[in-house]
């Protein structure tokens, strides 16, 4: 059996987190959350606008290391 990991990023821990958890519950996969080194703040609209500006500028925020070794997995599902 292949070993699976679900990796997700969710600013608000809302829909994406729920879907990632449902996927892990349905498959027996492990789960890991991607977190930015500097958390985004402000309203949802503020964060979306900031994200758009960062994408347009090619900016990639620093992320914290995840707690698993990706090489240990056969299948990795990523959600954001």
PDB file of N, CA and C in Angstrom:
ATOM      1  N   UNK A   1       0.836  -1.184   0.000  1.00  0.00           N
ATOM      2  CA  UNK A   1       0.000   0.000   0.000  1.00  0.00           C
ATOM      3  C   UNK A   1       0.882   1.250   0.000  1.00  0.00           C
ATOM      4  N   UNK A   2       0.495   2.235  -0.778  1.00  0.00           N
ATOM      5  CA  UNK A   2       1.269   3.471  -0.869  1.00  0.00           C
ATOM      6  C   UNK A   2       1.020   4.346   0.347  1.00  0.00           C
ATOM      7  N   UNK A   3       2.077   5.016   0.780  1.00  0.00           N
ATOM      8  CA  UNK A   3       1.974   5.920   1.926  1.00  0.00           C
ATOM      9  C   UNK A   3       1.635   7.312   1.394  1.00  0.00           C
ATOM     10  N   UNK A   4       0.564   7.910   1.956  1.00  0.00           N
ATOM     11  CA  UNK A   4       0.053   9.189   1.450  1.00  0.00           C
ATOM     12  C   UNK A   4       0.134  10.277   2.510  1.00  0.00           C
ATOM     13  N   UNK A   5       0.397  11.492   2.026  1.00  0.00           N
ATOM     14  CA  UNK A   5       0.448  12.678   2.875  1.00  0.00           C
ATOM     15  C   UNK A   5      -0.445  13.748   2.264  1.00  0.00           C
ATOM     16  N   UNK A   6      -1.216  14.412   3.098  1.00  0.00           N
ATOM     17  CA  UNK A   6      -2.002  15.569   2.681  1.00  0.00           C
ATOM     18  C   UNK A   6      -1.338  16.791   3.303  1.00  0.00           C
ATOM     19  N   UNK A   7      -0.901  17.721   2.465  1.00  0.00           N
ATOM     20  CA  UNK A   7      -0.280  18.965   2.913  1.00  0.00           C
ATOM     21  C   UNK A   7      -1.223  20.093   2.512  1.00  0.00           C
ATOM     22  N   UNK A   8      -1.513  20.992   3.460  1.00  0.00           N
ATOM     23  CA  UNK A   8      -2.449  22.061   3.122  1.00  0.00           C
ATOM     24  C   UNK A   8      -2.007  23.383   3.713  1.00  0.00           C
ATOM     25  N   UNK A   9      -2.451  24.460   3.054  1.00  0.00           N
ATOM     26  CA  UNK A   9      -2.303  25.807   3.586  1.00  0.00           C
ATOM     27  C   UNK A   9      -3.697  26.381   3.722  1.00  0.00           C
ATOM     28  N   UNK A  10      -4.005  26.902   4.891  1.00  0.00           N
ATOM     29  CA  UNK A  10      -5.302  27.523   5.134  1.00  0.00           C
ATOM     30  C   UNK A  10      -5.088  28.738   6.020  1.00  0.00           C
ATOM     31  N   UNK A  11      -5.320  29.917   5.468  1.00  0.00           N
ATOM     32  CA  UNK A  11      -5.126  31.138   6.255  1.00  0.00           C
ATOM     33  C   UNK A  11      -6.053  31.160   7.461  1.00  0.00           C
ATOM     34  N   UNK A  12      -7.291  30.753   7.253  1.00  0.00           N
ATOM     35  CA  UNK A  12      -8.277  30.866   8.330  1.00  0.00           C
ATOM     36  C   UNK A  12      -8.608  29.536   8.991  1.00  0.00           C
ATOM     37  N   UNK A  13      -7.998  28.452   8.529  1.00  0.00           N
ATOM     38  CA  UNK A  13      -8.333  27.107   9.028  1.00  0.00           C
ATOM     39  C   UNK A  13      -9.809  26.798   8.821  1.00  0.00           C
ATOM     40  N   UNK A  14     -10.312  27.162   7.655  1.00  0.00           N
ATOM     41  CA  UNK A  14     -11.714  26.940   7.336  1.00  0.00           C
ATOM     42  C   UNK A  14     -11.900  25.782   6.382  1.00  0.00           C
ATOM     43  N   UNK A  15     -12.371  26.096   5.192  1.00  0.00           N
ATOM     44  CA  UNK A  15     -12.730  25.071   4.214  1.00  0.00           C
ATOM     45  C   UNK A  15     -11.575  24.167   3.836  1.00  0.00           C
ATOM     46  N   UNK A  16     -10.421  24.730   3.560  1.00  0.00           N
ATOM     47  CA  UNK A  16      -9.286  23.912   3.126  1.00  0.00           C
ATOM     48  C   UNK A  16      -8.879  22.930   4.214  1.00  0.00           C
ATOM     49  N   UNK A  17      -8.863  23.377   5.449  1.00  0.00           N
ATOM     50  CA  UNK A  17      -8.523  22.476   6.556  1.00  0.00           C
ATOM     51  C   UNK A  17      -9.536  21.348   6.657  1.00  0.00           C
ATOM     52  N   UNK A  18     -10.817  21.684   6.577  1.00  0.00           N
ATOM     53  CA  UNK A  18     -11.864  20.650   6.670  1.00  0.00           C
ATOM     54  C   UNK A  18     -11.723  19.609   5.555  1.00  0.00           C
ATOM     55  N   UNK A  19     -11.475  20.074   4.339  1.00  0.00           N
ATOM     56  CA  UNK A  19     -11.320  19.151   3.211  1.00  0.00           C
ATOM     57  C   UNK A  19     -10.086  18.281   3.412  1.00  0.00           C
ATOM     58  N   UNK A  20      -8.977  18.870   3.860  1.00  0.00           N
ATOM     59  CA  UNK A  20      -7.757  18.092   4.113  1.00  0.00           C
ATOM     60  C   UNK A  20      -8.017  17.024   5.174  1.00  0.00           C
ATOM     61  N   UNK A  21      -8.734  17.384   6.225  1.00  0.00           N
ATOM     62  CA  UNK A  21      -9.039  16.418   7.285  1.00  0.00           C
ATOM     63  C   UNK A  21      -9.964  15.308   6.775  1.00  0.00           C
ATOM     64  N   UNK A  22     -10.930  15.670   5.950  1.00  0.00           N
ATOM     65  CA  UNK A  22     -11.824  14.660   5.380  1.00  0.00           C
ATOM     66  C   UNK A  22     -11.046  13.696   4.489  1.00  0.00           C
ATOM     67  N   UNK A  23     -10.117  14.219   3.718  1.00  0.00           N
ATOM     68  CA  UNK A  23      -9.299  13.371   2.853  1.00  0.00           C
ATOM     69  C   UNK A  23      -8.444  12.414   3.678  1.00  0.00           C
ATOM     70  N   UNK A  24      -7.866  12.914   4.756  1.00  0.00           N
ATOM     71  CA  UNK A  24      -7.041  12.033   5.593  1.00  0.00           C
ATOM     72  C   UNK A  24      -7.901  10.983   6.283  1.00  0.00           C
ATOM     73  N   UNK A  25      -9.086  11.367   6.734  1.00  0.00           N
ATOM     74  CA  UNK A  25      -9.981  10.409   7.381  1.00  0.00           C
ATOM     75  C   UNK A  25     -10.427   9.323   6.413  1.00  0.00           C
ATOM     76  N   UNK A  26     -10.637   9.697   5.157  1.00  0.00           N
ATOM     77  CA  UNK A  26     -11.101   8.740   4.163  1.00  0.00           C
ATOM     78  C   UNK A  26     -10.028   7.839   3.603  1.00  0.00           C
ATOM     79  N   UNK A  27      -8.782   8.259   3.724  1.00  0.00           N
ATOM     80  CA  UNK A  27      -7.688   7.505   3.098  1.00  0.00           C
ATOM     81  C   UNK A  27      -6.683   6.932   4.093  1.00  0.00           C
ATOM     82  N   UNK A  28      -6.707   7.426   5.332  1.00  0.00           N
ATOM     83  CA  UNK A  28      -5.698   7.011   6.303  1.00  0.00           C
ATOM     84  C   UNK A  28      -4.370   7.728   6.113  1.00  0.00           C
ATOM     85  N   UNK A  29      -4.380   8.792   5.301  1.00  0.00           N
ATOM     86  CA  UNK A  29      -3.157   9.561   5.037  1.00  0.00           C
ATOM     87  C   UNK A  29      -2.731  10.344   6.278  1.00  0.00           C
ATOM     88  N   UNK A  30      -1.448  10.707   6.304  1.00  0.00           N
ATOM     89  CA  UNK A  30      -0.937  11.639   7.302  1.00  0.00           C
ATOM     90  C   UNK A  30      -1.279  13.052   6.827  1.00  0.00           C
ATOM     91  N   UNK A  31      -1.162  14.031   7.736  1.00  0.00           N
ATOM     92  CA  UNK A  31      -1.508  15.411   7.394  1.00  0.00           C
ATOM     93  C   UNK A  31      -0.442  16.354   7.918  1.00  0.00           C
ATOM     94  N   UNK A  32      -0.174  17.424   7.169  1.00  0.00           N
ATOM     95  CA  UNK A  32       0.766  18.457   7.599  1.00  0.00           C
ATOM     96  C   UNK A  32       0.247  19.801   7.113  1.00  0.00           C
ATOM     97  N   UNK A  33       0.375  20.814   7.944  1.00  0.00           N
ATOM     98  CA  UNK A  33      -0.079  22.162   7.593  1.00  0.00           C
ATOM     99  C   UNK A  33       1.107  23.037   7.224  1.00  0.00           C
ATOM    100  N   UNK A  34       0.964  23.783   6.142  1.00  0.00           N
ATOM    101  CA  UNK A  34       1.953  24.779   5.742  1.00  0.00           C
ATOM    102  C   UNK A  34       1.617  26.074   6.474  1.00  0.00           C
ATOM    103  N   UNK A  35       2.620  26.668   7.110  1.00  0.00           N
ATOM    104  CA  UNK A  35       2.402  27.928   7.817  1.00  0.00           C
ATOM    105  C   UNK A  35       3.471  28.932   7.390  1.00  0.00           C
ATOM    106  N   UNK A  36       3.062  30.171   7.168  1.00  0.00           N
ATOM    107  CA  UNK A  36       4.027  31.212   6.835  1.00  0.00           C
ATOM    108  C   UNK A  36       4.789  31.616   8.092  1.00  0.00           C
ATOM    109  N   UNK A  37       6.049  31.973   7.915  1.00  0.00           N
ATOM    110  CA  UNK A  37       6.867  32.388   9.057  1.00  0.00           C
ATOM    111  C   UNK A  37       6.258  33.619   9.717  1.00  0.00           C
ATOM    112  N   UNK A  38       5.735  34.529   8.882  1.00  0.00           N
ATOM    113  CA  UNK A  38       5.015  35.702   9.394  1.00  0.00           C
ATOM    114  C   UNK A  38       3.560  35.557   9.033  1.00  0.00           C
ATOM    115  N   UNK A  39       2.717  35.305  10.017  1.00  0.00           N
ATOM    116  CA  UNK A  39       1.291  35.114   9.705  1.00  0.00           C
ATOM    117  C   UNK A  39       0.688  36.362   9.059  1.00  0.00           C
ATOM    118  N   UNK A  40      -0.228  36.129   8.137  1.00  0.00           N
ATOM    119  CA  UNK A  40      -0.970  37.242   7.547  1.00  0.00           C
ATOM    120  C   UNK A  40      -1.966  37.757   8.577  1.00  0.00           C
ATOM    121  N   UNK A  41      -2.260  39.049   8.505  1.00  0.00           N
ATOM    122  CA  UNK A  41      -3.216  39.614   9.453  1.00  0.00           C
ATOM    123  C   UNK A  41      -4.151  40.561   8.724  1.00  0.00           C
ATOM    124  N   UNK A  42      -5.236  40.885   9.384  1.00  0.00           N
ATOM    125  CA  UNK A  42      -6.236  41.771   8.800  1.00  0.00           C
ATOM    126  C   UNK A  42      -7.466  40.980   8.433  1.00  0.00           C
ATOM    127  N   UNK A  43      -8.357  41.645   7.730  1.00  0.00           N
ATOM    128  CA  UNK A  43      -9.596  41.000   7.301  1.00  0.00           C
ATOM    129  C   UNK A  43      -9.301  40.041   6.150  1.00  0.00           C
ATOM    130  N   UNK A  44     -10.273  39.212   5.836  1.00  0.00           N
ATOM    131  CA  UNK A  44     -10.119  38.294   4.703  1.00  0.00           C
ATOM    132  C   UNK A  44      -9.823  39.079   3.431  1.00  0.00           C
ATOM    133  N   UNK A  45     -10.550  40.179   3.217  1.00  0.00           N
ATOM    134  CA  UNK A  45     -10.333  41.014   2.032  1.00  0.00           C
ATOM    135  C   UNK A  45      -8.915  41.578   2.010  1.00  0.00           C
ATOM    136  N   UNK A  46      -8.403  42.037   3.156  1.00  0.00           N
ATOM    137  CA  UNK A  46      -7.037  42.566   3.239  1.00  0.00           C
ATOM    138  C   UNK A  46      -6.016  41.509   2.842  1.00  0.00           C
ATOM    139  N   UNK A  47      -6.202  40.305   3.355  1.00  0.00           N
ATOM    140  CA  UNK A  47      -5.250  39.222   3.089  1.00  0.00           C
ATOM    141  C   UNK A  47      -5.310  38.810   1.621  1.00  0.00           C
ATOM    142  N   UNK A  48      -6.504  38.752   1.056  1.00  0.00           N
ATOM    143  CA  UNK A  48      -6.639  38.409  -0.367  1.00  0.00           C
ATOM    144  C   UNK A  48      -5.934  39.457  -1.228  1.00  0.00           C
ATOM    145  N   UNK A  49      -6.134  40.713  -0.930  1.00  0.00           N
ATOM    146  CA  UNK A  49      -5.474  41.789  -1.690  1.00  0.00           C
ATOM    147  C   UNK A  49      -3.955  41.712  -1.554  1.00  0.00           C
ATOM    148  N   UNK A  50      -3.472  41.456  -0.338  1.00  0.00           N
ATOM    149  CA  UNK A  50      -2.037  41.317  -0.123  1.00  0.00           C
ATOM    150  C   UNK A  50      -1.506  40.141  -0.939  1.00  0.00           C
ATOM    151  N   UNK A  51      -2.223  39.036  -0.924  1.00  0.00           N
ATOM    152  CA  UNK A  51      -1.812  37.860  -1.691  1.00  0.00           C
ATOM    153  C   UNK A  51      -1.745  38.147  -3.175  1.00  0.00           C
ATOM    154  N   UNK A  52      -2.720  38.872  -3.696  1.00  0.00           N
ATOM    155  CA  UNK A  52      -2.706  39.236  -5.122  1.00  0.00           C
ATOM    156  C   UNK A  52      -1.466  40.066  -5.456  1.00  0.00           C
ATOM    157  N   UNK A  53      -1.177  41.051  -4.604  1.00  0.00           N
ATOM    158  CA  UNK A  53       0.004  41.900  -4.838  1.00  0.00           C
ATOM    159  C   UNK A  53       1.281  41.056  -4.803  1.00  0.00           C
ATOM    160  N   UNK A  54       1.368  40.122  -3.862  1.00  0.00           N
ATOM    161  CA  UNK A  54       2.560  39.282  -3.748  1.00  0.00           C
ATOM    162  C   UNK A  54       2.726  38.382  -4.964  1.00  0.00           C
ATOM    163  N   UNK A  55       1.633  37.807  -5.446  1.00  0.00           N
ATOM    164  CA  UNK A  55       1.704  36.953  -6.635  1.00  0.00           C
ATOM    165  C   UNK A  55       2.161  37.767  -7.831  1.00  0.00           C
ATOM    166  N   UNK A  56       1.570  38.937  -8.030  1.00  0.00           N
ATOM    167  CA  UNK A  56       1.938  39.791  -9.162  1.00  0.00           C
ATOM    168  C   UNK A  56       3.395  40.212  -9.107  1.00  0.00           C
ATOM    169  N   UNK A  57       3.931  40.398  -7.906  1.00  0.00           N
ATOM    170  CA  UNK A  57       5.331  40.819  -7.739  1.00  0.00           C
ATOM    171  C   UNK A  57       6.298  39.636  -7.733  1.00  0.00           C
ATOM    172  N   UNK A  58       5.766  38.416  -7.742  1.00  0.00           N
ATOM    173  CA  UNK A  58       6.633  37.234  -7.697  1.00  0.00           C
ATOM    174  C   UNK A  58       7.192  36.971  -6.312  1.00  0.00           C
ATOM    175  N   UNK A  59       6.586  37.560  -5.292  1.00  0.00           N
ATOM    176  CA  UNK A  59       7.053  37.382  -3.918  1.00  0.00           C
ATOM    177  C   UNK A  59       6.615  36.030  -3.388  1.00  0.00           C
ATOM    178  N   UNK A  60       7.529  35.336  -2.733  1.00  0.00           N
ATOM    179  CA  UNK A  60       7.206  34.063  -2.097  1.00  0.00           C
ATOM    180  C   UNK A  60       7.518  34.179  -0.608  1.00  0.00           C
ATOM    181  N   UNK A  61       6.492  34.179   0.229  1.00  0.00           N
ATOM    182  CA  UNK A  61       6.734  34.336   1.667  1.00  0.00           C
ATOM    183  C   UNK A  61       7.497  33.142   2.230  1.00  0.00           C
ATOM    184  N   UNK A  62       8.271  33.397   3.244  1.00  0.00           N
ATOM    185  CA  UNK A  62       8.998  32.323   3.920  1.00  0.00           C
ATOM    186  C   UNK A  62       7.994  31.448   4.648  1.00  0.00           C
ATOM    187  N   UNK A  63       8.185  30.135   4.553  1.00  0.00           N
ATOM    188  CA  UNK A  63       7.305  29.219   5.271  1.00  0.00           C
ATOM    189  C   UNK A  63       8.112  28.441   6.297  1.00  0.00           C
ATOM    190  N   UNK A  64       7.430  28.043   7.354  1.00  0.00           N
ATOM    191  CA  UNK A  64       8.070  27.227   8.385  1.00  0.00           C
ATOM    192  C   UNK A  64       8.252  25.805   7.860  1.00  0.00           C
ATOM    193  N   UNK A  65       9.300  25.122   8.309  1.00  0.00           N
ATOM    194  CA  UNK A  65       9.480  23.727   7.898  1.00  0.00           C
ATOM    195  C   UNK A  65       8.300  22.879   8.362  1.00  0.00           C
ATOM    196  N   UNK A  66       7.912  21.910   7.549  1.00  0.00           N
ATOM    197  CA  UNK A  66       6.854  21.000   7.996  1.00  0.00           C
ATOM    198  C   UNK A  66       7.489  19.875   8.792  1.00  0.00           C
ATOM    199  N   UNK A  67       6.674  19.194   9.564  1.00  0.00           N
ATOM    200  CA  UNK A  67       7.179  18.241  10.548  1.00  0.00           C
ATOM    201  C   UNK A  67       7.369  16.831  10.008  1.00  0.00           C
ATOM    202  N   UNK A  68       7.311  16.661   8.699  1.00  0.00           N
ATOM    203  CA  UNK A  68       7.455  15.330   8.113  1.00  0.00           C
ATOM    204  C   UNK A  68       8.520  15.358   7.026  1.00  0.00           C
ATOM    205  N   UNK A  69       9.032  14.182   6.694  1.00  0.00           N
ATOM    206  CA  UNK A  69       9.996  14.052   5.602  1.00  0.00           C
ATOM    207  C   UNK A  69       9.229  13.659   4.344  1.00  0.00           C
ATOM    208  N   UNK A  70       9.175  14.541   3.367  1.00  0.00           N
ATOM    209  CA  UNK A  70       8.400  14.287   2.157  1.00  0.00           C
ATOM    210  C   UNK A  70       8.869  13.036   1.416  1.00  0.00           C
ATOM    211  N   UNK A  71      10.143  12.684   1.545  1.00  0.00           N
ATOM    212  CA  UNK A  71      10.689  11.522   0.860  1.00  0.00           C
ATOM    213  C   UNK A  71      10.100  10.221   1.395  1.00  0.00           C
ATOM    214  N   UNK A  72       9.451  10.264   2.548  1.00  0.00           N
ATOM    215  CA  UNK A  72       8.842   9.066   3.136  1.00  0.00           C
ATOM    216  C   UNK A  72       7.500   8.707   2.493  1.00  0.00           C
ATOM    217  N   UNK A  73       7.002   9.532   1.572  1.00  0.00           N
ATOM    218  CA  UNK A  73       5.663   9.342   1.029  1.00  0.00           C
ATOM    219  C   UNK A  73       5.695   9.016  -0.463  1.00  0.00           C
ATOM    220  N   UNK A  74       4.749   8.169  -0.865  1.00  0.00           N
ATOM    221  CA  UNK A  74       4.593   7.790  -2.262  1.00  0.00           C
ATOM    222  C   UNK A  74       3.675   8.767  -2.989  1.00  0.00           C
ATOM    223  N   UNK A  75       2.676   9.281  -2.274  1.00  0.00           N
ATOM    224  CA  UNK A  75       1.673  10.182  -2.845  1.00  0.00           C
ATOM    225  C   UNK A  75       1.539  11.387  -1.915  1.00  0.00           C
ATOM    226  N   UNK A  76       1.590  12.596  -2.492  1.00  0.00           N
ATOM    227  CA  UNK A  76       1.416  13.812  -1.705  1.00  0.00           C
ATOM    228  C   UNK A  76       0.335  14.640  -2.365  1.00  0.00           C
ATOM    229  N   UNK A  77      -0.739  14.919  -1.614  1.00  0.00           N
ATOM    230  CA  UNK A  77      -1.821  15.787  -2.085  1.00  0.00           C
ATOM    231  C   UNK A  77      -1.641  17.150  -1.437  1.00  0.00           C
ATOM    232  N   UNK A  78      -1.756  18.196  -2.242  1.00  0.00           N
ATOM    233  CA  UNK A  78      -1.531  19.546  -1.729  1.00  0.00           C
ATOM    234  C   UNK A  78      -2.792  20.377  -1.956  1.00  0.00           C
ATOM    235  N   UNK A  79      -3.226  21.074  -0.900  1.00  0.00           N
ATOM    236  CA  UNK A  79      -4.402  21.918  -1.010  1.00  0.00           C
ATOM    237  C   UNK A  79      -4.141  23.289  -0.458  1.00  0.00           C
ATOM    238  N   UNK A  80      -4.760  24.285  -1.083  1.00  0.00           N
ATOM    239  CA  UNK A  80      -4.621  25.669  -0.620  1.00  0.00           C
ATOM    240  C   UNK A  80      -5.891  26.426  -0.930  1.00  0.00           C
TER     241      UNK A  80
END
